[in-house]
Amino acid sequence: MDRSRLFQLASLLLTYPDEELRAAGGELRAAAAGVGEFERFVEWLLTGTLTEVQRHYVETFDLRRRSGLYLTYYLHGDTRRRGMALLMLQQRYRVHGLRVADGELPDLLPIVLEFAATAGPGDGEAPLRQHRQGIELLRAALHDARTPYALILDVVCAALPRLTEEDLTALTSLAVDGPPVETVGLAEVGLGPDLAPYPEVCR
């Protein structure tokens, strides 16, 4: 599977599982063919009831701060720097003609993956590389939660450049200290996922 198709499928599978997505089960199976992690995830997605899958999605991504899909949070927390990072990401999209739906933030991982798929390996994949640490933290949190969504992050991480020693050091710091703090409400700072089992997979 080429990188563009890989990122496009990962983007689709990380969206909220509605009736339209499930109705495309045959197409999803065909698209996932040959990539074991995608194949296993699609079978899980199509096996349970729609209500069960939707509840799992909400519990995984909307109710757990440590496994949120908004990448700038991992690097910047709820600080003014995050606002600037969101603005720069929006401007990058605009240059390439990608429009983000009203009310949606541009750092949502499915949107970042869609941009990588459409804009190509250079500028298109730059946001993925820039937020690699956040993606790894999300991946580790999903493994901790034992959710099938971790399979998708495994594929995405394997497609990205290997982690450097500097990356690993920064990841350890983020996992222990949490994102930067400028406002209140970060009750889970310092409760990051255990990264020990995961970095070797993508190195």
N, C-alpha and C. Protein backbone atom coordinates (compact mmCIF):
# COMPACT_ATOMS: atom_id res chain seq x y z
N MET A 1 0.85 -1.20 0.00
CA MET A 1 0.00 0.00 0.00
C MET A 1 0.88 1.25 0.00
N ASP A 2 0.65 2.18 -0.94
CA ASP A 2 1.47 3.37 -0.97
C ASP A 2 1.10 4.31 0.18
N ARG A 3 1.97 5.27 0.42
CA ARG A 3 1.82 6.12 1.60
C ARG A 3 0.54 6.95 1.54
N SER A 4 0.20 7.44 0.37
CA SER A 4 -1.00 8.25 0.24
C SER A 4 -2.25 7.46 0.63
N ARG A 5 -2.37 6.24 0.11
CA ARG A 5 -3.53 5.40 0.44
C ARG A 5 -3.51 5.01 1.91
N LEU A 6 -2.32 4.77 2.44
CA LEU A 6 -2.21 4.39 3.85
C LEU A 6 -2.72 5.51 4.75
N PHE A 7 -2.26 6.74 4.51
CA PHE A 7 -2.69 7.85 5.34
C PHE A 7 -4.18 8.17 5.14
N GLN A 8 -4.66 8.01 3.90
CA GLN A 8 -6.07 8.27 3.63
C GLN A 8 -6.96 7.28 4.37
N LEU A 9 -6.58 5.99 4.34
CA LEU A 9 -7.37 4.98 5.04
C LEU A 9 -7.30 5.18 6.55
N ALA A 10 -6.11 5.49 7.07
CA ALA A 10 -5.99 5.75 8.51
C ALA A 10 -6.87 6.93 8.92
N SER A 11 -6.91 7.97 8.09
CA SER A 11 -7.75 9.12 8.36
C SER A 11 -9.21 8.71 8.45
N LEU A 12 -9.65 7.91 7.50
CA LEU A 12 -11.05 7.47 7.47
C LEU A 12 -11.39 6.61 8.68
N LEU A 13 -10.51 5.70 9.03
CA LEU A 13 -10.79 4.78 10.13
C LEU A 13 -10.77 5.46 11.49
N LEU A 14 -10.13 6.62 11.58
CA LEU A 14 -10.07 7.36 12.85
C LEU A 14 -11.22 8.35 13.00
N THR A 15 -12.12 8.41 12.02
CA THR A 15 -13.28 9.28 12.16
C THR A 15 -14.37 8.57 12.96
N TYR A 16 -15.34 9.35 13.41
CA TYR A 16 -16.44 8.79 14.19
C TYR A 16 -17.18 7.75 13.36
N PRO A 17 -17.37 6.54 13.87
CA PRO A 17 -17.97 5.46 13.09
C PRO A 17 -19.49 5.60 12.96
N ASP A 18 -19.94 6.19 11.88
CA ASP A 18 -21.37 6.35 11.66
C ASP A 18 -21.89 5.26 10.72
N GLU A 19 -23.17 5.34 10.41
CA GLU A 19 -23.79 4.32 9.56
C GLU A 19 -23.15 4.29 8.17
N GLU A 20 -22.78 5.45 7.64
CA GLU A 20 -22.18 5.50 6.31
C GLU A 20 -20.85 4.76 6.27
N LEU A 21 -20.05 4.92 7.32
CA LEU A 21 -18.76 4.23 7.36
C LEU A 21 -18.97 2.72 7.42
N ARG A 22 -19.89 2.28 8.25
CA ARG A 22 -20.13 0.85 8.38
C ARG A 22 -20.74 0.26 7.10
N ALA A 23 -21.54 1.05 6.42
CA ALA A 23 -22.15 0.57 5.18
C ALA A 23 -21.11 0.32 4.09
N ALA A 24 -19.94 0.93 4.24
CA ALA A 24 -18.87 0.76 3.27
C ALA A 24 -17.94 -0.38 3.67
N GLY A 25 -18.47 -1.37 4.39
CA GLY A 25 -17.64 -2.46 4.91
C GLY A 25 -16.87 -3.19 3.83
N GLY A 26 -17.51 -3.47 2.70
CA GLY A 26 -16.83 -4.17 1.62
C GLY A 26 -15.66 -3.37 1.08
N GLU A 27 -15.86 -2.08 0.89
CA GLU A 27 -14.79 -1.22 0.39
C GLU A 27 -13.66 -1.10 1.41
N LEU A 28 -14.02 -1.05 2.70
CA LEU A 28 -13.00 -0.96 3.75
C LEU A 28 -12.14 -2.22 3.78
N ARG A 29 -12.79 -3.37 3.67
CA ARG A 29 -12.03 -4.63 3.66
C ARG A 29 -11.08 -4.67 2.47
N ALA A 30 -11.56 -4.23 1.32
CA ALA A 30 -10.71 -4.23 0.12
C ALA A 30 -9.54 -3.27 0.27
N ALA A 31 -9.79 -2.09 0.83
CA ALA A 31 -8.74 -1.09 1.00
C ALA A 31 -7.70 -1.54 2.01
N ALA A 32 -8.14 -2.29 3.04
CA ALA A 32 -7.24 -2.71 4.11
C ALA A 32 -6.43 -3.95 3.74
N ALA A 33 -6.79 -4.62 2.66
CA ALA A 33 -6.16 -5.88 2.30
C ALA A 33 -4.65 -5.74 2.19
N GLY A 34 -3.95 -6.67 2.83
CA GLY A 34 -2.50 -6.67 2.76
C GLY A 34 -1.81 -5.99 3.91
N VAL A 35 -2.56 -5.23 4.69
CA VAL A 35 -2.00 -4.57 5.88
C VAL A 35 -2.70 -5.18 7.10
N GLY A 36 -1.99 -6.07 7.78
CA GLY A 36 -2.61 -6.86 8.84
C GLY A 36 -3.31 -6.05 9.91
N GLU A 37 -2.67 -4.96 10.35
CA GLU A 37 -3.28 -4.13 11.40
C GLU A 37 -4.59 -3.52 10.93
N PHE A 38 -4.60 -3.01 9.70
CA PHE A 38 -5.83 -2.45 9.15
C PHE A 38 -6.90 -3.54 9.01
N GLU A 39 -6.51 -4.70 8.54
CA GLU A 39 -7.47 -5.79 8.37
C GLU A 39 -8.11 -6.16 9.69
N ARG A 40 -7.32 -6.29 10.75
CA ARG A 40 -7.87 -6.65 12.06
C ARG A 40 -8.77 -5.56 12.60
N PHE A 41 -8.37 -4.29 12.38
CA PHE A 41 -9.21 -3.22 12.87
C PHE A 41 -10.55 -3.18 12.15
N VAL A 42 -10.54 -3.33 10.84
CA VAL A 42 -11.79 -3.28 10.06
C VAL A 42 -12.72 -4.41 10.49
N GLU A 43 -12.19 -5.60 10.74
CA GLU A 43 -13.04 -6.70 11.19
C GLU A 43 -13.68 -6.37 12.54
N TRP A 44 -12.89 -5.77 13.44
CA TRP A 44 -13.47 -5.35 14.72
C TRP A 44 -14.55 -4.30 14.50
N LEU A 45 -14.27 -3.34 13.64
CA LEU A 45 -15.21 -2.25 13.38
C LEU A 45 -16.55 -2.78 12.87
N LEU A 46 -16.50 -3.82 12.07
CA LEU A 46 -17.71 -4.32 11.43
C LEU A 46 -18.39 -5.45 12.20
N THR A 47 -17.76 -5.92 13.28
CA THR A 47 -18.31 -7.06 14.01
C THR A 47 -19.32 -6.66 15.07
N GLY A 48 -19.01 -5.66 15.87
CA GLY A 48 -19.93 -5.23 16.92
C GLY A 48 -21.10 -4.44 16.37
N THR A 49 -22.03 -4.11 17.25
CA THR A 49 -23.13 -3.26 16.83
C THR A 49 -22.64 -1.83 16.65
N LEU A 50 -23.39 -1.05 15.89
CA LEU A 50 -23.00 0.35 15.67
C LEU A 50 -22.95 1.10 16.99
N THR A 51 -23.91 0.85 17.86
CA THR A 51 -23.94 1.53 19.16
C THR A 51 -22.70 1.21 19.98
N GLU A 52 -22.31 -0.06 19.98
CA GLU A 52 -21.13 -0.46 20.75
C GLU A 52 -19.87 0.21 20.21
N VAL A 53 -19.73 0.25 18.90
CA VAL A 53 -18.54 0.85 18.30
C VAL A 53 -18.51 2.35 18.55
N GLN A 54 -19.65 3.00 18.43
CA GLN A 54 -19.71 4.44 18.68
C GLN A 54 -19.41 4.76 20.14
N ARG A 55 -19.91 3.96 21.06
CA ARG A 55 -19.63 4.18 22.47
C ARG A 55 -18.14 4.01 22.75
N HIS A 56 -17.54 3.01 22.14
CA HIS A 56 -16.11 2.78 22.33
C HIS A 56 -15.31 3.97 21.80
N TYR A 57 -15.69 4.51 20.68
CA TYR A 57 -14.98 5.66 20.11
C TYR A 57 -15.03 6.85 21.06
N VAL A 58 -16.22 7.16 21.57
CA VAL A 58 -16.38 8.30 22.48
C VAL A 58 -15.57 8.08 23.76
N GLU A 59 -15.65 6.87 24.31
CA GLU A 59 -14.91 6.59 25.54
C GLU A 59 -13.40 6.67 25.31
N THR A 60 -12.96 6.32 24.12
CA THR A 60 -11.53 6.30 23.84
C THR A 60 -10.98 7.69 23.58
N PHE A 61 -11.66 8.47 22.74
CA PHE A 61 -11.08 9.73 22.27
C PHE A 61 -11.68 10.98 22.90
N ASP A 62 -12.92 10.92 23.32
CA ASP A 62 -13.57 12.13 23.83
C ASP A 62 -13.57 12.22 25.35
N LEU A 63 -13.44 11.11 26.05
CA LEU A 63 -13.53 11.12 27.50
C LEU A 63 -12.18 10.92 28.19
N ARG A 64 -11.13 10.73 27.42
CA ARG A 64 -9.80 10.55 27.99
C ARG A 64 -8.86 11.61 27.42
N ARG A 65 -8.38 12.49 28.27
CA ARG A 65 -7.48 13.55 27.82
C ARG A 65 -6.20 12.96 27.24
N ARG A 66 -5.74 11.86 27.80
CA ARG A 66 -4.46 11.30 27.36
C ARG A 66 -4.53 10.66 25.97
N SER A 67 -5.73 10.42 25.47
CA SER A 67 -5.84 9.83 24.14
C SER A 67 -6.71 10.68 23.22
N GLY A 68 -6.61 11.99 23.39
CA GLY A 68 -7.32 12.89 22.49
C GLY A 68 -6.67 12.91 21.12
N LEU A 69 -7.44 13.25 20.11
CA LEU A 69 -6.97 13.26 18.73
C LEU A 69 -6.41 14.60 18.29
N TYR A 70 -6.36 15.59 19.19
CA TYR A 70 -5.90 16.93 18.82
C TYR A 70 -4.41 17.05 19.14
N LEU A 71 -3.59 17.06 18.09
CA LEU A 71 -2.16 16.87 18.26
C LEU A 71 -1.44 18.02 18.94
N THR A 72 -1.87 19.26 18.71
CA THR A 72 -1.13 20.38 19.29
C THR A 72 -1.22 20.40 20.82
N TYR A 73 -2.21 19.73 21.37
CA TYR A 73 -2.32 19.69 22.83
C TYR A 73 -1.12 19.01 23.47
N TYR A 74 -0.62 17.97 22.83
CA TYR A 74 0.47 17.20 23.42
C TYR A 74 1.74 18.04 23.56
N LEU A 75 2.00 18.92 22.59
CA LEU A 75 3.20 19.75 22.64
C LEU A 75 3.00 21.05 23.41
N HIS A 76 1.80 21.61 23.33
CA HIS A 76 1.59 22.97 23.83
C HIS A 76 0.57 23.07 24.96
N GLY A 77 -0.16 22.00 25.27
CA GLY A 77 -1.17 22.09 26.30
C GLY A 77 -2.20 23.16 25.96
N ASP A 78 -2.86 23.68 26.97
CA ASP A 78 -3.82 24.77 26.78
C ASP A 78 -3.11 26.10 26.98
N THR A 79 -2.19 26.41 26.09
CA THR A 79 -1.42 27.64 26.19
C THR A 79 -1.60 28.47 24.93
N ARG A 80 -1.08 29.71 24.98
CA ARG A 80 -1.17 30.58 23.80
C ARG A 80 -0.36 30.03 22.63
N ARG A 81 0.68 29.28 22.92
CA ARG A 81 1.47 28.69 21.84
C ARG A 81 0.62 27.72 21.02
N ARG A 82 -0.32 27.08 21.68
CA ARG A 82 -1.19 26.18 20.92
C ARG A 82 -2.02 26.95 19.91
N GLY A 83 -2.50 28.11 20.29
CA GLY A 83 -3.27 28.93 19.36
C GLY A 83 -2.46 29.31 18.14
N MET A 84 -1.20 29.65 18.34
CA MET A 84 -0.33 29.99 17.22
C MET A 84 -0.08 28.77 16.33
N ALA A 85 0.12 27.61 16.95
CA ALA A 85 0.35 26.38 16.19
C ALA A 85 -0.88 26.04 15.34
N LEU A 86 -2.06 26.24 15.89
CA LEU A 86 -3.29 25.98 15.14
C LEU A 86 -3.42 26.92 13.95
N LEU A 87 -3.06 28.17 14.16
CA LEU A 87 -3.14 29.16 13.09
C LEU A 87 -2.17 28.80 11.96
N MET A 88 -0.96 28.42 12.30
CA MET A 88 0.03 28.06 11.28
C MET A 88 -0.40 26.83 10.50
N LEU A 89 -1.02 25.89 11.20
CA LEU A 89 -1.50 24.69 10.52
C LEU A 89 -2.64 25.04 9.57
N GLN A 90 -3.52 25.90 10.00
CA GLN A 90 -4.63 26.34 9.14
C GLN A 90 -4.10 27.03 7.89
N GLN A 91 -3.08 27.87 8.06
CA GLN A 91 -2.50 28.56 6.91
C GLN A 91 -1.84 27.58 5.94
N ARG A 92 -1.19 26.55 6.47
CA ARG A 92 -0.57 25.54 5.61
C ARG A 92 -1.64 24.84 4.78
N TYR A 93 -2.75 24.51 5.40
CA TYR A 93 -3.84 23.87 4.67
C TYR A 93 -4.37 24.78 3.56
N ARG A 94 -4.51 26.05 3.90
CA ARG A 94 -5.10 27.00 2.95
C ARG A 94 -4.25 27.09 1.68
N VAL A 95 -2.94 27.06 1.85
CA VAL A 95 -2.04 27.13 0.69
C VAL A 95 -2.31 25.97 -0.27
N HIS A 96 -2.66 24.82 0.28
CA HIS A 96 -2.87 23.63 -0.55
C HIS A 96 -4.36 23.40 -0.88
N GLY A 97 -5.20 24.35 -0.51
CA GLY A 97 -6.60 24.25 -0.87
C GLY A 97 -7.44 23.33 -0.01
N LEU A 98 -6.93 22.92 1.15
CA LEU A 98 -7.70 22.06 2.05
C LEU A 98 -8.54 22.92 2.98
N ARG A 99 -9.83 22.68 2.98
CA ARG A 99 -10.73 23.43 3.84
C ARG A 99 -11.15 22.55 5.02
N VAL A 100 -11.09 23.12 6.22
CA VAL A 100 -11.50 22.42 7.43
C VAL A 100 -12.94 22.81 7.75
N ALA A 101 -13.75 21.84 8.09
CA ALA A 101 -15.16 22.09 8.37
C ALA A 101 -15.31 23.08 9.50
N ASP A 102 -16.34 23.91 9.41
CA ASP A 102 -16.61 24.90 10.45
C ASP A 102 -16.74 24.21 11.81
N GLY A 103 -16.09 24.79 12.80
CA GLY A 103 -16.16 24.26 14.15
C GLY A 103 -15.14 23.18 14.45
N GLU A 104 -14.37 22.75 13.45
CA GLU A 104 -13.37 21.72 13.66
C GLU A 104 -11.98 22.34 13.73
N LEU A 105 -11.13 21.80 14.58
CA LEU A 105 -9.76 22.30 14.71
C LEU A 105 -8.85 21.59 13.71
N PRO A 106 -7.87 22.31 13.17
CA PRO A 106 -7.03 21.73 12.11
C PRO A 106 -6.03 20.69 12.59
N ASP A 107 -5.86 20.55 13.92
CA ASP A 107 -4.89 19.58 14.42
C ASP A 107 -5.51 18.22 14.71
N LEU A 108 -6.79 18.04 14.38
CA LEU A 108 -7.43 16.74 14.56
C LEU A 108 -6.69 15.72 13.70
N LEU A 109 -6.26 14.62 14.28
CA LEU A 109 -5.40 13.67 13.57
C LEU A 109 -5.99 13.19 12.24
N PRO A 110 -7.27 12.86 12.14
CA PRO A 110 -7.78 12.47 10.82
C PRO A 110 -7.60 13.56 9.76
N ILE A 111 -7.70 14.82 10.15
CA ILE A 111 -7.49 15.92 9.19
C ILE A 111 -6.02 16.01 8.81
N VAL A 112 -5.13 15.87 9.78
CA VAL A 112 -3.69 15.91 9.51
C VAL A 112 -3.30 14.77 8.57
N LEU A 113 -3.89 13.61 8.78
CA LEU A 113 -3.61 12.46 7.90
C LEU A 113 -4.18 12.69 6.50
N GLU A 114 -5.36 13.27 6.42
CA GLU A 114 -5.94 13.57 5.11
C GLU A 114 -5.05 14.54 4.34
N PHE A 115 -4.51 15.53 5.04
CA PHE A 115 -3.61 16.49 4.40
C PHE A 115 -2.35 15.79 3.89
N ALA A 116 -1.81 14.88 4.70
CA ALA A 116 -0.62 14.14 4.28
C ALA A 116 -0.91 13.31 3.03
N ALA A 117 -2.12 12.75 2.96
CA ALA A 117 -2.48 11.92 1.81
C ALA A 117 -2.66 12.74 0.54
N THR A 118 -3.18 13.96 0.67
CA THR A 118 -3.52 14.74 -0.51
C THR A 118 -2.38 15.66 -0.96
N ALA A 119 -1.60 16.18 -0.01
CA ALA A 119 -0.55 17.15 -0.35
C ALA A 119 0.80 16.50 -0.62
N GLY A 120 0.95 15.22 -0.29
CA GLY A 120 2.17 14.53 -0.64
C GLY A 120 3.19 14.43 0.47
N PRO A 121 4.28 13.70 0.21
CA PRO A 121 5.26 13.39 1.25
C PRO A 121 6.08 14.57 1.74
N GLY A 122 6.16 15.64 1.01
CA GLY A 122 6.94 16.79 1.45
C GLY A 122 6.18 17.64 2.44
N ASP A 123 5.54 18.69 1.93
CA ASP A 123 4.80 19.60 2.79
C ASP A 123 3.61 18.92 3.44
N GLY A 124 3.03 17.95 2.76
CA GLY A 124 1.85 17.28 3.30
C GLY A 124 2.13 16.50 4.56
N GLU A 125 3.28 15.85 4.62
CA GLU A 125 3.61 15.04 5.79
C GLU A 125 4.34 15.83 6.88
N ALA A 126 4.66 17.09 6.61
CA ALA A 126 5.39 17.90 7.59
C ALA A 126 4.67 17.98 8.94
N PRO A 127 3.33 18.19 8.97
CA PRO A 127 2.66 18.24 10.27
C PRO A 127 2.76 16.92 11.05
N LEU A 128 2.74 15.79 10.34
CA LEU A 128 2.91 14.51 11.03
C LEU A 128 4.29 14.41 11.66
N ARG A 129 5.30 14.85 10.93
CA ARG A 129 6.66 14.81 11.48
C ARG A 129 6.80 15.79 12.64
N GLN A 130 6.20 16.96 12.50
CA GLN A 130 6.29 17.98 13.54
C GLN A 130 5.64 17.50 14.84
N HIS A 131 4.57 16.73 14.72
CA HIS A 131 3.82 16.29 15.89
C HIS A 131 4.05 14.81 16.19
N ARG A 132 5.21 14.32 15.77
CA ARG A 132 5.52 12.90 15.98
C ARG A 132 5.47 12.53 17.45
N GLN A 133 5.95 13.40 18.32
CA GLN A 133 5.95 13.07 19.75
C GLN A 133 4.52 12.89 20.26
N GLY A 134 3.63 13.79 19.84
CA GLY A 134 2.23 13.65 20.25
C GLY A 134 1.60 12.39 19.71
N ILE A 135 1.93 12.03 18.48
CA ILE A 135 1.38 10.82 17.88
C ILE A 135 1.86 9.60 18.65
N GLU A 136 3.13 9.59 19.06
CA GLU A 136 3.66 8.47 19.83
C GLU A 136 3.00 8.38 21.21
N LEU A 137 2.76 9.53 21.83
CA LEU A 137 2.08 9.52 23.13
C LEU A 137 0.66 8.98 22.98
N LEU A 138 -0.02 9.40 21.92
CA LEU A 138 -1.37 8.90 21.66
C LEU A 138 -1.33 7.39 21.44
N ARG A 139 -0.39 6.94 20.65
CA ARG A 139 -0.26 5.51 20.37
C ARG A 139 -0.04 4.72 21.66
N ALA A 140 0.84 5.20 22.52
CA ALA A 140 1.09 4.50 23.78
C ALA A 140 -0.15 4.48 24.66
N ALA A 141 -0.89 5.59 24.69
CA ALA A 141 -2.11 5.65 25.49
C ALA A 141 -3.16 4.68 24.97
N LEU A 142 -3.24 4.53 23.66
CA LEU A 142 -4.21 3.60 23.08
C LEU A 142 -3.83 2.16 23.39
N HIS A 143 -2.54 1.87 23.39
CA HIS A 143 -2.11 0.53 23.80
C HIS A 143 -2.42 0.29 25.27
N ASP A 144 -2.20 1.29 26.10
CA ASP A 144 -2.54 1.16 27.53
C ASP A 144 -4.02 0.86 27.71
N ALA A 145 -4.86 1.48 26.88
CA ALA A 145 -6.30 1.28 26.97
C ALA A 145 -6.77 0.00 26.30
N ARG A 146 -5.86 -0.69 25.64
CA ARG A 146 -6.17 -1.96 24.95
C ARG A 146 -7.31 -1.79 23.96
N THR A 147 -7.23 -0.74 23.17
CA THR A 147 -8.25 -0.48 22.18
C THR A 147 -7.75 -0.86 20.80
N PRO A 148 -8.61 -1.39 19.93
CA PRO A 148 -8.19 -1.70 18.56
C PRO A 148 -7.69 -0.49 17.79
N TYR A 149 -8.04 0.73 18.24
CA TYR A 149 -7.56 1.92 17.54
C TYR A 149 -6.03 2.04 17.60
N ALA A 150 -5.40 1.35 18.54
CA ALA A 150 -3.94 1.35 18.59
C ALA A 150 -3.34 0.75 17.33
N LEU A 151 -4.06 -0.17 16.69
CA LEU A 151 -3.56 -0.79 15.47
C LEU A 151 -3.34 0.25 14.37
N ILE A 152 -4.24 1.22 14.29
CA ILE A 152 -4.12 2.26 13.26
C ILE A 152 -2.89 3.11 13.52
N LEU A 153 -2.66 3.46 14.78
CA LEU A 153 -1.49 4.28 15.11
C LEU A 153 -0.20 3.50 14.88
N ASP A 154 -0.23 2.18 15.06
CA ASP A 154 0.96 1.38 14.77
C ASP A 154 1.35 1.52 13.30
N VAL A 155 0.36 1.48 12.41
CA VAL A 155 0.64 1.60 10.98
C VAL A 155 1.18 2.99 10.65
N VAL A 156 0.55 4.01 11.20
CA VAL A 156 0.97 5.39 10.94
C VAL A 156 2.40 5.61 11.41
N CYS A 157 2.72 5.16 12.63
CA CYS A 157 4.06 5.37 13.17
C CYS A 157 5.11 4.62 12.35
N ALA A 158 4.76 3.43 11.89
CA ALA A 158 5.71 2.65 11.10
C ALA A 158 6.03 3.33 9.77
N ALA A 159 5.13 4.18 9.29
CA ALA A 159 5.34 4.89 8.02
C ALA A 159 6.15 6.17 8.20
N LEU A 160 6.32 6.61 9.44
CA LEU A 160 7.04 7.86 9.70
C LEU A 160 8.52 7.59 9.95
N PRO A 161 9.35 8.63 9.88
CA PRO A 161 10.79 8.44 10.14
C PRO A 161 11.03 7.86 11.53
N ARG A 162 12.14 7.15 11.67
CA ARG A 162 12.47 6.55 12.96
C ARG A 162 12.66 7.60 14.03
N LEU A 163 12.33 7.23 15.25
CA LEU A 163 12.54 8.12 16.38
C LEU A 163 14.03 8.26 16.65
N THR A 164 14.46 9.49 16.93
CA THR A 164 15.84 9.74 17.31
C THR A 164 15.97 9.64 18.83
N GLU A 165 17.19 9.61 19.30
CA GLU A 165 17.41 9.60 20.75
C GLU A 165 16.83 10.86 21.39
N GLU A 166 16.94 11.98 20.67
CA GLU A 166 16.36 13.23 21.17
C GLU A 166 14.85 13.11 21.29
N ASP A 167 14.22 12.47 20.29
CA ASP A 167 12.77 12.25 20.34
C ASP A 167 12.40 11.43 21.57
N LEU A 168 13.14 10.37 21.81
CA LEU A 168 12.83 9.48 22.92
C LEU A 168 12.97 10.19 24.27
N THR A 169 13.99 11.04 24.38
CA THR A 169 14.17 11.81 25.61
C THR A 169 13.00 12.76 25.82
N ALA A 170 12.59 13.45 24.75
CA ALA A 170 11.46 14.38 24.84
C ALA A 170 10.17 13.64 25.16
N LEU A 171 9.99 12.45 24.59
CA LEU A 171 8.80 11.67 24.85
C LEU A 171 8.71 11.27 26.32
N THR A 172 9.83 10.84 26.87
CA THR A 172 9.85 10.46 28.28
C THR A 172 9.48 11.64 29.16
N SER A 173 10.00 12.82 28.83
CA SER A 173 9.70 14.02 29.60
C SER A 173 8.22 14.38 29.50
N LEU A 174 7.67 14.31 28.29
CA LEU A 174 6.26 14.62 28.12
C LEU A 174 5.37 13.63 28.86
N ALA A 175 5.74 12.36 28.84
CA ALA A 175 4.94 11.35 29.50
C ALA A 175 4.92 11.55 31.01
N VAL A 176 6.05 12.01 31.56
CA VAL A 176 6.15 12.21 33.01
C VAL A 176 5.54 13.54 33.44
N ASP A 177 5.88 14.62 32.71
CA ASP A 177 5.49 15.96 33.13
C ASP A 177 4.17 16.44 32.52
N GLY A 178 3.76 15.83 31.42
CA GLY A 178 2.57 16.31 30.73
C GLY A 178 2.90 17.51 29.88
N PRO A 179 1.90 18.02 29.14
CA PRO A 179 2.12 19.17 28.27
C PRO A 179 2.32 20.45 29.08
N PRO A 180 2.82 21.52 28.45
CA PRO A 180 3.00 22.79 29.16
C PRO A 180 1.70 23.27 29.77
N VAL A 181 1.82 23.94 30.91
CA VAL A 181 0.64 24.41 31.63
C VAL A 181 0.64 25.92 31.67
N GLU A 182 -0.46 26.51 31.22
CA GLU A 182 -0.64 27.96 31.31
C GLU A 182 -1.99 28.30 31.92
N THR A 183 -2.94 27.36 31.78
CA THR A 183 -4.27 27.56 32.35
C THR A 183 -4.60 26.38 33.24
N VAL A 184 -5.69 26.49 34.00
CA VAL A 184 -6.10 25.44 34.92
C VAL A 184 -6.83 24.35 34.16
N GLY A 185 -7.06 23.24 34.86
CA GLY A 185 -7.90 22.20 34.30
C GLY A 185 -7.15 21.00 33.77
N LEU A 186 -5.82 20.94 33.96
CA LEU A 186 -5.07 19.80 33.44
C LEU A 186 -4.84 18.80 34.58
N ALA A 187 -5.90 18.17 34.99
CA ALA A 187 -5.85 17.30 36.15
C ALA A 187 -4.97 16.08 35.94
N GLU A 188 -4.72 15.70 34.68
CA GLU A 188 -3.98 14.47 34.43
C GLU A 188 -2.52 14.71 34.09
N VAL A 189 -2.00 15.93 34.28
CA VAL A 189 -0.59 16.18 34.04
C VAL A 189 0.25 15.24 34.90
N GLY A 190 1.25 14.63 34.27
CA GLY A 190 2.11 13.71 35.00
C GLY A 190 1.59 12.29 35.00
N LEU A 191 0.43 12.05 34.38
CA LEU A 191 -0.14 10.71 34.34
C LEU A 191 -0.12 10.17 32.92
N GLY A 192 0.94 10.46 32.20
CA GLY A 192 1.05 10.01 30.82
C GLY A 192 1.22 8.50 30.74
N PRO A 193 1.06 7.94 29.55
CA PRO A 193 1.17 6.49 29.38
C PRO A 193 2.59 6.02 29.56
N ASP A 194 2.73 4.74 29.88
CA ASP A 194 4.03 4.12 29.99
C ASP A 194 4.56 3.87 28.59
N LEU A 195 5.65 4.54 28.22
CA LEU A 195 6.17 4.46 26.85
C LEU A 195 7.11 3.27 26.66
N ALA A 196 7.53 2.65 27.74
CA ALA A 196 8.59 1.66 27.65
C ALA A 196 8.34 0.57 26.60
N PRO A 197 7.12 0.02 26.47
CA PRO A 197 6.96 -1.10 25.51
C PRO A 197 6.93 -0.67 24.06
N TYR A 198 6.81 0.64 23.75
CA TYR A 198 6.44 1.02 22.41
C TYR A 198 7.53 1.64 21.52
N PRO A 199 8.48 2.42 22.03
CA PRO A 199 9.37 3.13 21.10
C PRO A 199 10.13 2.24 20.14
N GLU A 200 10.49 1.02 20.56
CA GLU A 200 11.30 0.19 19.69
C GLU A 200 10.59 -0.17 18.39
N VAL A 201 9.26 -0.17 18.40
CA VAL A 201 8.51 -0.55 17.22
C VAL A 201 8.79 0.38 16.06
N CYS A 202 8.98 1.67 16.35
CA CYS A 202 9.13 2.66 15.28
C CYS A 202 10.57 3.15 15.12
N ARG A 203 11.51 2.58 15.81
CA ARG A 203 12.88 3.06 15.72
C ARG A 203 13.59 2.45 14.53
